[in-house]
Amino acid sequence: MMAGMALLMACQPNAAGTEEKHEHEHSTQEEGMHKHEKHIEKTHVSLNNGKRWEANIETNEGIFNMLYLIDNFNAQDQTYEALQADLQNEFRTIFKKCTMTGEAHNQLHNYLIPLKEKIEQVSAENLNDIRDYLNTYKDYFK
């Protein structure tokens, strides 16, 4: 739970508004989340009074880039380790460029926490599960 809360705080713009500090907070919090991820309370994404949340462009691009990577993955030409690295890179970019605030920001994290766990387990067995999960993004965010 603490790691989830730290992750939520990491995406909040800092008081000085400096990007350098913002990026540093993300990498520190991601490391903390990784260490404590087994203690994260499961959360669910909810809608904004029945409507989708407004997401920043970079988040939308990151999610769609992950879908592209999975849809174009070929196990004969690529390894799952390489796919995982590419997916993790997109995931980190979402955090690095996070500008969302308020409840939309909280709901994005509710969506991202399970995604992080899925990416860490990428394999032939769960590739469709990751794809299906990424496809639900548009149900909650625009």
C-alpha atoms as a PDB file:
ATOM      1  CA  MET A   1       0.000   0.000   0.000  1.00  0.00           C
ATOM      2  CA  MET A   2       2.837   2.383   0.873  1.00  0.00           C
ATOM      3  CA  ALA A   3       4.511   1.714  -2.473  1.00  0.00           C
ATOM      4  CA  GLY A   4       1.238   2.400  -4.279  1.00  0.00           C
ATOM      5  CA  MET A   5       0.847   5.676  -2.393  1.00  0.00           C
ATOM      6  CA  ALA A   6       4.465   6.579  -3.108  1.00  0.00           C
ATOM      7  CA  LEU A   7       3.851   5.854  -6.765  1.00  0.00           C
ATOM      8  CA  LEU A   8       0.825   8.141  -6.733  1.00  0.00           C
ATOM      9  CA  MET A   9       2.838  10.927  -5.139  1.00  0.00           C
ATOM     10  CA  ALA A  10       5.690  10.453  -7.595  1.00  0.00           C
ATOM     11  CA  CYS A  11       3.606  11.543 -10.542  1.00  0.00           C
ATOM     12  CA  GLN A  12       2.391  14.738  -8.888  1.00  0.00           C
ATOM     13  CA  PRO A  13       4.147  17.854 -10.243  1.00  0.00           C
ATOM     14  CA  ASN A  14       6.493  19.188  -7.596  1.00  0.00           C
ATOM     15  CA  ALA A  15       6.102  22.643  -6.104  1.00  0.00           C
ATOM     16  CA  ALA A  16       9.047  24.085  -8.000  1.00  0.00           C
ATOM     17  CA  GLY A  17       7.759  22.546 -11.222  1.00  0.00           C
ATOM     18  CA  THR A  18      11.205  21.395 -12.287  1.00  0.00           C
ATOM     19  CA  GLU A  19      11.253  18.419 -14.576  1.00  0.00           C
ATOM     20  CA  GLU A  20      14.593  17.160 -13.267  1.00  0.00           C
ATOM     21  CA  LYS A  21      13.220  16.648  -9.757  1.00  0.00           C
ATOM     22  CA  HIS A  22      10.025  15.176 -11.185  1.00  0.00           C
ATOM     23  CA  GLU A  23      11.967  12.542 -13.123  1.00  0.00           C
ATOM     24  CA  HIS A  24      14.118  11.722 -10.101  1.00  0.00           C
ATOM     25  CA  GLU A  25      11.045  11.147  -7.963  1.00  0.00           C
ATOM     26  CA  HIS A  26       9.652   8.708 -10.523  1.00  0.00           C
ATOM     27  CA  SER A  27      12.750   6.527 -10.708  1.00  0.00           C
ATOM     28  CA  THR A  28      13.064   6.461  -6.909  1.00  0.00           C
ATOM     29  CA  GLN A  29       9.409   5.573  -6.469  1.00  0.00           C
ATOM     30  CA  GLU A  30       9.484   2.923  -9.208  1.00  0.00           C
ATOM     31  CA  GLU A  31      12.371   1.234  -7.383  1.00  0.00           C
ATOM     32  CA  GLY A  32      10.405   1.402  -4.121  1.00  0.00           C
ATOM     33  CA  MET A  33       7.340  -0.008  -5.827  1.00  0.00           C
ATOM     34  CA  HIS A  34       9.376  -2.889  -7.238  1.00  0.00           C
ATOM     35  CA  LYS A  35      10.650  -3.812  -3.766  1.00  0.00           C
ATOM     36  CA  HIS A  36       7.190  -3.755  -2.196  1.00  0.00           C
ATOM     37  CA  GLU A  37       4.917  -4.734  -5.066  1.00  0.00           C
ATOM     38  CA  LYS A  38       3.682  -7.879  -3.311  1.00  0.00           C
ATOM     39  CA  HIS A  39       2.137  -5.663  -0.639  1.00  0.00           C
ATOM     40  CA  ILE A  40       0.200  -3.471  -3.053  1.00  0.00           C
ATOM     41  CA  GLU A  41      -3.487  -3.485  -2.396  1.00  0.00           C
ATOM     42  CA  LYS A  42      -5.445  -4.377  -5.526  1.00  0.00           C
ATOM     43  CA  THR A  43      -7.281  -1.366  -6.873  1.00  0.00           C
ATOM     44  CA  HIS A  44      -9.795  -0.964  -9.635  1.00  0.00           C
ATOM     45  CA  VAL A  45     -10.162   1.752 -12.213  1.00  0.00           C
ATOM     46  CA  SER A  46     -13.409   3.662 -12.092  1.00  0.00           C
ATOM     47  CA  LEU A  47     -14.980   6.107 -14.510  1.00  0.00           C
ATOM     48  CA  ASN A  48     -15.487   9.833 -14.042  1.00  0.00           C
ATOM     49  CA  ASN A  49     -19.226   9.835 -13.318  1.00  0.00           C
ATOM     50  CA  GLY A  50     -19.763   7.381 -16.163  1.00  0.00           C
ATOM     51  CA  LYS A  51     -17.330   9.151 -18.517  1.00  0.00           C
ATOM     52  CA  ARG A  52     -13.737   8.460 -19.468  1.00  0.00           C
ATOM     53  CA  TRP A  53     -10.906  10.380 -17.802  1.00  0.00           C
ATOM     54  CA  GLU A  54      -8.845  12.862 -19.795  1.00  0.00           C
ATOM     55  CA  ALA A  55      -5.288  11.518 -20.154  1.00  0.00           C
ATOM     56  CA  ASN A  56      -2.250  13.405 -21.350  1.00  0.00           C
ATOM     57  CA  ILE A  57      -1.034  12.728 -24.892  1.00  0.00           C
ATOM     58  CA  GLU A  58       2.163  11.028 -23.741  1.00  0.00           C
ATOM     59  CA  THR A  59       0.232   8.494 -21.678  1.00  0.00           C
ATOM     60  CA  ASN A  60      -2.057   7.685 -24.594  1.00  0.00           C
ATOM     61  CA  GLU A  61       0.957   7.294 -26.889  1.00  0.00           C
ATOM     62  CA  GLY A  62       2.740   5.036 -24.393  1.00  0.00           C
ATOM     63  CA  ILE A  63      -0.241   2.705 -24.087  1.00  0.00           C
ATOM     64  CA  PHE A  64      -0.749   2.564 -27.846  1.00  0.00           C
ATOM     65  CA  ASN A  65       2.999   1.980 -28.359  1.00  0.00           C
ATOM     66  CA  MET A  66       2.792  -1.010 -26.007  1.00  0.00           C
ATOM     67  CA  LEU A  67      -0.130  -2.397 -28.000  1.00  0.00           C
ATOM     68  CA  TYR A  68       1.878  -1.933 -31.195  1.00  0.00           C
ATOM     69  CA  LEU A  69       4.844  -3.789 -29.691  1.00  0.00           C
ATOM     70  CA  ILE A  70       2.660  -6.719 -28.681  1.00  0.00           C
ATOM     71  CA  ASP A  71       0.677  -6.808 -31.925  1.00  0.00           C
ATOM     72  CA  ASN A  72       3.901  -6.860 -33.942  1.00  0.00           C
ATOM     73  CA  PHE A  73       5.801  -9.290 -31.728  1.00  0.00           C
ATOM     74  CA  ASN A  74       7.072 -12.369 -33.541  1.00  0.00           C
ATOM     75  CA  ALA A  75       8.493 -15.072 -31.261  1.00  0.00           C
ATOM     76  CA  GLN A  76      10.521 -16.492 -34.158  1.00  0.00           C
ATOM     77  CA  ASP A  77      12.430 -13.234 -34.621  1.00  0.00           C
ATOM     78  CA  GLN A  78      12.364 -11.718 -31.131  1.00  0.00           C
ATOM     79  CA  THR A  79      12.765 -12.817 -27.542  1.00  0.00           C
ATOM     80  CA  TYR A  80      10.277 -12.254 -24.751  1.00  0.00           C
ATOM     81  CA  GLU A  81      13.074 -10.594 -22.801  1.00  0.00           C
ATOM     82  CA  ALA A  82      13.492  -8.002 -25.574  1.00  0.00           C
ATOM     83  CA  LEU A  83       9.735  -7.445 -25.705  1.00  0.00           C
ATOM     84  CA  GLN A  84       9.652  -7.034 -21.946  1.00  0.00           C
ATOM     85  CA  ALA A  85      12.466  -4.457 -22.097  1.00  0.00           C
ATOM     86  CA  ASP A  86      10.615  -2.505 -24.798  1.00  0.00           C
ATOM     87  CA  LEU A  87       7.361  -2.599 -22.815  1.00  0.00           C
ATOM     88  CA  GLN A  88       9.146  -1.498 -19.647  1.00  0.00           C
ATOM     89  CA  ASN A  89      10.742   1.369 -21.551  1.00  0.00           C
ATOM     90  CA  GLU A  90       7.295   2.569 -22.681  1.00  0.00           C
ATOM     91  CA  PHE A  91       6.009   2.157 -19.119  1.00  0.00           C
ATOM     92  CA  ARG A  92       8.871   4.284 -17.744  1.00  0.00           C
ATOM     93  CA  THR A  93       8.224   6.921 -20.405  1.00  0.00           C
ATOM     94  CA  ILE A  94       4.612   7.212 -19.243  1.00  0.00           C
ATOM     95  CA  PHE A  95       5.869   7.945 -15.723  1.00  0.00           C
ATOM     96  CA  LYS A  96       8.597  10.273 -16.913  1.00  0.00           C
ATOM     97  CA  LYS A  97       6.127  12.390 -18.879  1.00  0.00           C
ATOM     98  CA  CYS A  98       3.276  12.213 -16.397  1.00  0.00           C
ATOM     99  CA  THR A  99       1.421  15.538 -16.088  1.00  0.00           C
ATOM    100  CA  MET A 100      -1.942  14.268 -14.910  1.00  0.00           C
ATOM    101  CA  THR A 101      -3.332  15.452 -11.585  1.00  0.00           C
ATOM    102  CA  GLY A 102      -6.278  14.860  -9.309  1.00  0.00           C
ATOM    103  CA  GLU A 103      -8.606  11.896  -9.578  1.00  0.00           C
ATOM    104  CA  ALA A 104      -7.696  11.262 -13.234  1.00  0.00           C
ATOM    105  CA  HIS A 105      -4.114  10.788 -12.035  1.00  0.00           C
ATOM    106  CA  ASN A 106      -5.239   8.421  -9.264  1.00  0.00           C
ATOM    107  CA  GLN A 107      -7.287   6.355 -11.692  1.00  0.00           C
ATOM    108  CA  LEU A 108      -4.363   6.167 -14.118  1.00  0.00           C
ATOM    109  CA  HIS A 109      -2.279   4.637 -11.344  1.00  0.00           C
ATOM    110  CA  ASN A 110      -5.078   2.190 -10.562  1.00  0.00           C
ATOM    111  CA  TYR A 111      -4.780   1.134 -14.198  1.00  0.00           C
ATOM    112  CA  LEU A 112      -0.960   1.098 -14.340  1.00  0.00           C
ATOM    113  CA  ILE A 113      -0.200  -0.945 -11.218  1.00  0.00           C
ATOM    114  CA  PRO A 114      -1.674  -4.201 -12.613  1.00  0.00           C
ATOM    115  CA  LEU A 115      -0.087  -3.452 -15.994  1.00  0.00           C
ATOM    116  CA  LYS A 116       3.357  -3.241 -14.394  1.00  0.00           C
ATOM    117  CA  GLU A 117       2.839  -6.654 -12.812  1.00  0.00           C
ATOM    118  CA  LYS A 118       1.749  -8.130 -16.147  1.00  0.00           C
ATOM    119  CA  ILE A 119       4.772  -6.695 -17.986  1.00  0.00           C
ATOM    120  CA  GLU A 120       7.126  -8.162 -15.392  1.00  0.00           C
ATOM    121  CA  GLN A 121       5.673 -11.607 -16.194  1.00  0.00           C
ATOM    122  CA  VAL A 122       5.583 -11.307 -20.010  1.00  0.00           C
ATOM    123  CA  SER A 123       5.624 -14.700 -21.714  1.00  0.00           C
ATOM    124  CA  ALA A 124       3.874 -16.689 -24.415  1.00  0.00           C
ATOM    125  CA  GLU A 125       1.260 -17.646 -21.824  1.00  0.00           C
ATOM    126  CA  ASN A 126       0.230 -14.109 -20.859  1.00  0.00           C
ATOM    127  CA  LEU A 127       0.826 -12.099 -24.024  1.00  0.00           C
ATOM    128  CA  ASN A 128      -2.870 -12.160 -24.928  1.00  0.00           C
ATOM    129  CA  ASP A 129      -3.762 -11.178 -21.365  1.00  0.00           C
ATOM    130  CA  ILE A 130      -1.494  -8.116 -21.613  1.00  0.00           C
ATOM    131  CA  ARG A 131      -2.977  -7.219 -25.001  1.00  0.00           C
ATOM    132  CA  ASP A 132      -6.512  -7.587 -23.649  1.00  0.00           C
ATOM    133  CA  TYR A 133      -5.651  -5.444 -20.630  1.00  0.00           C
ATOM    134  CA  LEU A 134      -4.073  -2.714 -22.778  1.00  0.00           C
ATOM    135  CA  ASN A 135      -7.203  -2.718 -24.921  1.00  0.00           C
ATOM    136  CA  THR A 136      -9.275  -1.803 -21.845  1.00  0.00           C
ATOM    137  CA  TYR A 137      -7.367   1.489 -21.495  1.00  0.00           C
ATOM    138  CA  LYS A 138      -9.725   3.213 -23.947  1.00  0.00           C
ATOM    139  CA  ASP A 139     -12.663   2.168 -21.752  1.00  0.00           C
ATOM    140  CA  TYR A 140     -11.387   4.445 -18.977  1.00  0.00           C
ATOM    141  CA  PHE A 141      -9.246   7.130 -20.633  1.00  0.00           C
ATOM    142  CA  LYS A 142      -9.390   9.349 -23.671  1.00  0.00           C
END
